[in-house]
N, C-alpha and C. Protein backbone atom coordinates (compact mmCIF):
# COMPACT_ATOMS: atom_id res chain seq x y z
N MET A 1 0.81 -1.20 0.00
CA MET A 1 0.00 0.00 0.00
C MET A 1 0.85 1.26 0.00
N GLU A 2 2.01 1.19 0.61
CA GLU A 2 2.87 2.37 0.66
C GLU A 2 3.33 2.78 -0.72
N GLN A 3 3.59 1.78 -1.57
CA GLN A 3 4.04 2.08 -2.93
C GLN A 3 2.96 2.80 -3.72
N VAL A 4 1.71 2.38 -3.55
CA VAL A 4 0.59 3.03 -4.24
C VAL A 4 0.46 4.47 -3.77
N ALA A 5 0.62 4.70 -2.49
CA ALA A 5 0.52 6.06 -1.96
C ALA A 5 1.64 6.92 -2.50
N GLN A 6 2.85 6.36 -2.59
CA GLN A 6 3.98 7.12 -3.12
C GLN A 6 3.77 7.45 -4.60
N MET A 7 3.24 6.47 -5.35
CA MET A 7 2.99 6.71 -6.78
C MET A 7 1.92 7.76 -6.97
N SER A 8 0.87 7.73 -6.17
CA SER A 8 -0.20 8.72 -6.32
C SER A 8 0.30 10.11 -5.95
N GLU A 9 1.20 10.19 -4.96
CA GLU A 9 1.79 11.48 -4.62
C GLU A 9 2.65 12.01 -5.76
N ALA A 10 3.37 11.11 -6.43
CA ALA A 10 4.22 11.52 -7.56
C ALA A 10 3.38 12.02 -8.72
N VAL A 11 2.25 11.35 -8.98
CA VAL A 11 1.38 11.77 -10.08
C VAL A 11 0.74 13.11 -9.77
N VAL A 12 0.31 13.31 -8.54
CA VAL A 12 -0.32 14.57 -8.16
C VAL A 12 0.68 15.71 -8.25
N GLY A 13 1.95 15.45 -7.92
CA GLY A 13 2.96 16.48 -7.95
C GLY A 13 3.51 16.78 -9.34
N MET A 14 3.08 16.01 -10.35
CA MET A 14 3.60 16.22 -11.71
C MET A 14 3.01 17.50 -12.32
N SER A 15 3.83 18.18 -13.07
CA SER A 15 3.41 19.42 -13.71
C SER A 15 2.36 19.14 -14.78
N PRO A 16 1.31 19.97 -14.88
CA PRO A 16 0.32 19.77 -15.94
C PRO A 16 0.93 19.93 -17.33
N PHE A 17 1.95 20.78 -17.46
CA PHE A 17 2.59 20.97 -18.75
C PHE A 17 3.25 19.69 -19.23
N VAL A 18 3.93 18.98 -18.33
CA VAL A 18 4.59 17.73 -18.70
C VAL A 18 3.55 16.69 -19.12
N SER A 19 2.45 16.64 -18.41
CA SER A 19 1.38 15.71 -18.76
C SER A 19 0.79 16.03 -20.13
N GLN A 20 0.55 17.30 -20.39
CA GLN A 20 -0.06 17.69 -21.67
C GLN A 20 0.90 17.51 -22.83
N ILE A 21 2.17 17.83 -22.65
CA ILE A 21 3.14 17.67 -23.74
C ILE A 21 3.37 16.19 -24.02
N SER A 22 3.34 15.35 -22.97
CA SER A 22 3.47 13.91 -23.17
C SER A 22 2.31 13.37 -23.99
N LEU A 23 1.11 13.81 -23.68
CA LEU A 23 -0.07 13.39 -24.43
C LEU A 23 0.00 13.86 -25.88
N PHE A 24 0.49 15.07 -26.09
CA PHE A 24 0.62 15.62 -27.44
C PHE A 24 1.62 14.80 -28.27
N VAL A 25 2.77 14.48 -27.69
CA VAL A 25 3.78 13.70 -28.41
C VAL A 25 3.27 12.29 -28.70
N LEU A 26 2.59 11.70 -27.74
CA LEU A 26 2.02 10.37 -27.95
C LEU A 26 0.99 10.39 -29.08
N SER A 27 0.16 11.41 -29.13
CA SER A 27 -0.86 11.49 -30.19
C SER A 27 -0.21 11.68 -31.56
N ILE A 28 0.93 12.36 -31.62
CA ILE A 28 1.63 12.50 -32.90
C ILE A 28 2.07 11.13 -33.41
N PHE A 29 2.67 10.34 -32.53
CA PHE A 29 3.12 9.01 -32.94
C PHE A 29 1.96 8.11 -33.35
N VAL A 30 0.89 8.11 -32.57
CA VAL A 30 -0.27 7.28 -32.89
C VAL A 30 -0.88 7.72 -34.22
N GLY A 31 -1.04 9.02 -34.42
CA GLY A 31 -1.61 9.52 -35.67
C GLY A 31 -0.75 9.16 -36.87
N TYR A 32 0.56 9.27 -36.72
CA TYR A 32 1.47 8.93 -37.82
C TYR A 32 1.31 7.47 -38.23
N TYR A 33 1.34 6.58 -37.26
CA TYR A 33 1.24 5.16 -37.59
C TYR A 33 -0.14 4.75 -38.09
N VAL A 34 -1.18 5.41 -37.60
CA VAL A 34 -2.53 5.10 -38.08
C VAL A 34 -2.70 5.54 -39.53
N VAL A 35 -2.25 6.75 -39.86
CA VAL A 35 -2.43 7.26 -41.22
C VAL A 35 -1.59 6.47 -42.23
N TRP A 36 -0.37 6.14 -41.89
CA TRP A 36 0.49 5.44 -42.84
C TRP A 36 0.13 3.97 -43.02
N SER A 37 -0.69 3.41 -42.13
CA SER A 37 -1.08 2.02 -42.28
C SER A 37 -2.41 1.86 -43.02
N VAL A 38 -3.00 2.94 -43.48
CA VAL A 38 -4.28 2.88 -44.19
C VAL A 38 -4.05 2.45 -45.63
N THR A 39 -4.87 1.52 -46.10
CA THR A 39 -4.77 1.09 -47.49
C THR A 39 -5.34 2.17 -48.41
N PRO A 40 -4.88 2.24 -49.67
CA PRO A 40 -5.36 3.29 -50.58
C PRO A 40 -6.88 3.30 -50.77
N ALA A 41 -7.53 2.16 -50.66
CA ALA A 41 -8.98 2.12 -50.85
C ALA A 41 -9.74 2.86 -49.75
N LEU A 42 -9.10 3.08 -48.63
CA LEU A 42 -9.78 3.73 -47.51
C LEU A 42 -9.45 5.21 -47.37
N HIS A 43 -8.71 5.78 -48.30
CA HIS A 43 -8.30 7.17 -48.13
C HIS A 43 -9.48 8.14 -48.19
N THR A 44 -10.47 7.90 -49.07
CA THR A 44 -11.61 8.80 -49.15
C THR A 44 -12.44 8.77 -47.87
N PRO A 45 -12.78 7.59 -47.32
CA PRO A 45 -13.49 7.61 -46.03
C PRO A 45 -12.66 8.23 -44.91
N LEU A 46 -11.35 8.03 -44.97
CA LEU A 46 -10.49 8.62 -43.94
C LEU A 46 -10.54 10.14 -44.01
N MET A 47 -10.59 10.70 -45.22
CA MET A 47 -10.69 12.15 -45.36
C MET A 47 -12.00 12.66 -44.75
N ALA A 48 -13.08 11.91 -44.94
CA ALA A 48 -14.37 12.34 -44.38
C ALA A 48 -14.31 12.33 -42.85
N VAL A 49 -13.68 11.31 -42.28
CA VAL A 49 -13.55 11.25 -40.82
C VAL A 49 -12.65 12.38 -40.32
N THR A 50 -11.61 12.69 -41.07
CA THR A 50 -10.71 13.77 -40.69
C THR A 50 -11.46 15.10 -40.66
N ASN A 51 -12.36 15.30 -41.62
CA ASN A 51 -13.16 16.53 -41.62
C ASN A 51 -14.05 16.59 -40.38
N ALA A 52 -14.61 15.46 -39.98
CA ALA A 52 -15.46 15.43 -38.80
C ALA A 52 -14.64 15.73 -37.54
N ILE A 53 -13.43 15.19 -37.46
CA ILE A 53 -12.58 15.46 -36.30
C ILE A 53 -12.21 16.95 -36.26
N SER A 54 -11.94 17.54 -37.42
CA SER A 54 -11.58 18.95 -37.45
C SER A 54 -12.74 19.83 -36.98
N SER A 55 -13.96 19.40 -37.23
CA SER A 55 -15.10 20.19 -36.75
C SER A 55 -15.17 20.15 -35.23
N VAL A 56 -14.79 19.03 -34.63
CA VAL A 56 -14.74 18.95 -33.17
C VAL A 56 -13.62 19.85 -32.64
N ILE A 57 -12.50 19.91 -33.37
CA ILE A 57 -11.40 20.79 -32.98
C ILE A 57 -11.85 22.25 -32.99
N ILE A 58 -12.66 22.61 -33.97
CA ILE A 58 -13.15 24.00 -34.03
C ILE A 58 -14.02 24.31 -32.81
N VAL A 59 -14.85 23.37 -32.39
CA VAL A 59 -15.67 23.62 -31.21
C VAL A 59 -14.79 23.85 -29.98
N GLY A 60 -13.76 23.01 -29.80
CA GLY A 60 -12.84 23.20 -28.68
C GLY A 60 -12.07 24.51 -28.79
N ALA A 61 -11.69 24.87 -30.00
CA ALA A 61 -10.94 26.12 -30.20
C ALA A 61 -11.83 27.33 -29.92
N LEU A 62 -13.11 27.24 -30.26
CA LEU A 62 -14.02 28.34 -29.95
C LEU A 62 -14.17 28.53 -28.44
N ILE A 63 -14.18 27.42 -27.72
CA ILE A 63 -14.25 27.51 -26.26
C ILE A 63 -12.98 28.16 -25.71
N ALA A 64 -11.82 27.78 -26.29
CA ALA A 64 -10.55 28.36 -25.83
C ALA A 64 -10.44 29.83 -26.19
N ALA A 65 -10.98 30.22 -27.33
CA ALA A 65 -10.87 31.61 -27.79
C ALA A 65 -11.97 32.50 -27.22
N GLY A 66 -12.89 31.93 -26.47
CA GLY A 66 -14.05 32.67 -25.99
C GLY A 66 -13.82 33.70 -24.91
N PRO A 67 -12.96 33.45 -23.92
CA PRO A 67 -12.85 34.42 -22.82
C PRO A 67 -12.44 35.81 -23.29
N ALA A 68 -12.87 36.83 -22.54
CA ALA A 68 -12.63 38.21 -22.94
C ALA A 68 -11.18 38.63 -22.77
N ASP A 69 -10.48 38.07 -21.78
CA ASP A 69 -9.09 38.48 -21.56
C ASP A 69 -8.17 37.87 -22.62
N MET A 70 -7.12 38.60 -22.96
CA MET A 70 -6.18 38.13 -23.97
C MET A 70 -5.05 37.36 -23.28
N ASN A 71 -4.99 36.07 -23.54
CA ASN A 71 -3.93 35.24 -22.98
C ASN A 71 -3.49 34.23 -24.04
N ILE A 72 -2.57 33.37 -23.69
CA ILE A 72 -2.02 32.42 -24.66
C ILE A 72 -3.08 31.43 -25.14
N ALA A 73 -4.02 31.05 -24.27
CA ALA A 73 -5.08 30.12 -24.68
C ALA A 73 -5.95 30.74 -25.77
N LYS A 74 -6.25 32.03 -25.64
CA LYS A 74 -7.08 32.70 -26.65
C LYS A 74 -6.33 32.78 -27.98
N ILE A 75 -5.05 33.10 -27.94
CA ILE A 75 -4.26 33.19 -29.18
C ILE A 75 -4.17 31.82 -29.86
N LEU A 76 -3.88 30.78 -29.07
CA LEU A 76 -3.81 29.43 -29.64
C LEU A 76 -5.18 28.96 -30.14
N GLY A 77 -6.25 29.36 -29.46
CA GLY A 77 -7.60 29.02 -29.92
C GLY A 77 -7.92 29.65 -31.26
N ILE A 78 -7.53 30.90 -31.44
CA ILE A 78 -7.77 31.59 -32.72
C ILE A 78 -6.96 30.93 -33.84
N ILE A 79 -5.71 30.58 -33.54
CA ILE A 79 -4.88 29.89 -34.54
C ILE A 79 -5.49 28.53 -34.88
N ALA A 80 -5.97 27.81 -33.86
CA ALA A 80 -6.59 26.50 -34.09
C ALA A 80 -7.85 26.61 -34.94
N ILE A 81 -8.63 27.65 -34.74
CA ILE A 81 -9.83 27.85 -35.57
C ILE A 81 -9.44 28.02 -37.03
N GLY A 82 -8.44 28.86 -37.30
CA GLY A 82 -8.00 29.09 -38.68
C GLY A 82 -7.45 27.83 -39.33
N LEU A 83 -6.58 27.11 -38.62
CA LEU A 83 -5.99 25.90 -39.20
C LEU A 83 -7.02 24.79 -39.41
N ALA A 84 -7.93 24.63 -38.46
CA ALA A 84 -8.96 23.61 -38.61
C ALA A 84 -9.92 23.95 -39.74
N ALA A 85 -10.21 25.25 -39.93
CA ALA A 85 -11.08 25.65 -41.04
C ALA A 85 -10.42 25.35 -42.38
N VAL A 86 -9.13 25.65 -42.49
CA VAL A 86 -8.41 25.32 -43.73
C VAL A 86 -8.43 23.81 -43.96
N ASN A 87 -8.24 23.05 -42.89
CA ASN A 87 -8.24 21.59 -43.01
C ASN A 87 -9.60 21.07 -43.45
N ILE A 88 -10.67 21.62 -42.90
CA ILE A 88 -12.02 21.16 -43.27
C ILE A 88 -12.32 21.46 -44.73
N PHE A 89 -12.14 22.71 -45.15
CA PHE A 89 -12.49 23.08 -46.52
C PHE A 89 -11.56 22.42 -47.53
N GLY A 90 -10.27 22.32 -47.19
CA GLY A 90 -9.34 21.61 -48.07
C GLY A 90 -9.67 20.13 -48.16
N GLY A 91 -10.06 19.55 -47.05
CA GLY A 91 -10.44 18.13 -47.04
C GLY A 91 -11.67 17.87 -47.89
N PHE A 92 -12.66 18.75 -47.80
CA PHE A 92 -13.85 18.59 -48.64
C PHE A 92 -13.50 18.74 -50.12
N ALA A 93 -12.61 19.66 -50.45
CA ALA A 93 -12.22 19.84 -51.85
C ALA A 93 -11.49 18.61 -52.37
N VAL A 94 -10.57 18.07 -51.57
CA VAL A 94 -9.84 16.87 -51.99
C VAL A 94 -10.77 15.68 -52.10
N THR A 95 -11.67 15.52 -51.12
CA THR A 95 -12.62 14.40 -51.16
C THR A 95 -13.52 14.50 -52.38
N ASN A 96 -13.99 15.70 -52.69
CA ASN A 96 -14.84 15.90 -53.87
C ASN A 96 -14.08 15.54 -55.15
N ARG A 97 -12.84 15.95 -55.22
CA ARG A 97 -12.04 15.64 -56.42
C ARG A 97 -11.79 14.14 -56.54
N MET A 98 -11.51 13.48 -55.42
CA MET A 98 -11.28 12.03 -55.45
C MET A 98 -12.55 11.29 -55.86
N LEU A 99 -13.70 11.72 -55.34
CA LEU A 99 -14.95 11.06 -55.70
C LEU A 99 -15.31 11.29 -57.16
N SER A 100 -14.95 12.45 -57.69
CA SER A 100 -15.25 12.71 -59.10
C SER A 100 -14.42 11.83 -60.03
N MET A 101 -13.32 11.30 -59.56
CA MET A 101 -12.52 10.39 -60.38
C MET A 101 -13.24 9.07 -60.63
N TYR A 102 -14.18 8.70 -59.75
CA TYR A 102 -14.89 7.44 -59.88
C TYR A 102 -16.18 7.56 -60.68
N LYS A 103 -16.59 8.78 -61.03
CA LYS A 103 -17.82 8.97 -61.80
C LYS A 103 -17.59 8.58 -63.25
N LYS A 104 -18.62 8.02 -63.85
CA LYS A 104 -18.53 7.66 -65.27
C LYS A 104 -18.63 8.92 -66.11
N LYS A 105 -17.81 8.99 -67.14
CA LYS A 105 -17.85 10.13 -68.03
C LYS A 105 -18.88 9.89 -69.12
N PRO A 106 -19.53 10.98 -69.58
CA PRO A 106 -20.49 10.81 -70.68
C PRO A 106 -19.77 10.34 -71.95
N GLN A 107 -20.51 9.74 -72.88
CA GLN A 107 -19.95 9.18 -74.10
C GLN A 107 -19.21 10.24 -74.92
N SER A 108 -19.72 11.49 -74.93
CA SER A 108 -19.10 12.54 -75.74
C SER A 108 -17.69 12.85 -75.25
N GLU A 109 -17.45 12.78 -73.94
CA GLU A 109 -16.11 13.06 -73.43
C GLU A 109 -15.17 11.90 -73.68
N LYS A 110 -15.69 10.67 -73.77
CA LYS A 110 -14.83 9.52 -74.00
C LYS A 110 -14.25 9.51 -75.40
N LYS A 111 -14.97 10.09 -76.36
CA LYS A 111 -14.51 10.09 -77.75
C LYS A 111 -13.76 11.36 -78.12
N GLY A 112 -13.26 12.07 -77.12
CA GLY A 112 -12.47 13.26 -77.43
C GLY A 112 -13.30 14.52 -77.47
N GLY A 113 -14.53 14.51 -76.99
CA GLY A 113 -15.35 15.71 -76.94
C GLY A 113 -16.11 16.00 -78.21
N LYS A 114 -16.03 15.17 -79.26
CA LYS A 114 -16.74 15.39 -80.52
C LYS A 114 -18.11 14.73 -80.43
N SER A 115 -19.14 15.45 -80.84
CA SER A 115 -20.50 14.91 -80.82
C SER A 115 -20.92 14.45 -82.18
């Protein structure tokens, strides 16, 4: 029991910054390995899920940017809103272009555009 008490004291005494930066670094590694292990057939659905995740990021960024006082959280929240918005609109554009590659072309375009 003494070891558990000592461990809980160590966790309580840990800096929140160290905890948050550790989580951030871990998420980078997990995201890297998840994205690179996706087969090409799943890239379009993955883009759609990425757009959904970015919309959740915007909600969190709006909460961070909401307070009236100007601090680092507000600045990072505003930056997160801009980057997530670019990611969402760019993702929709790429997904639309990828899906248009699978559409059948009309007969007139297949023969060189001559009717």
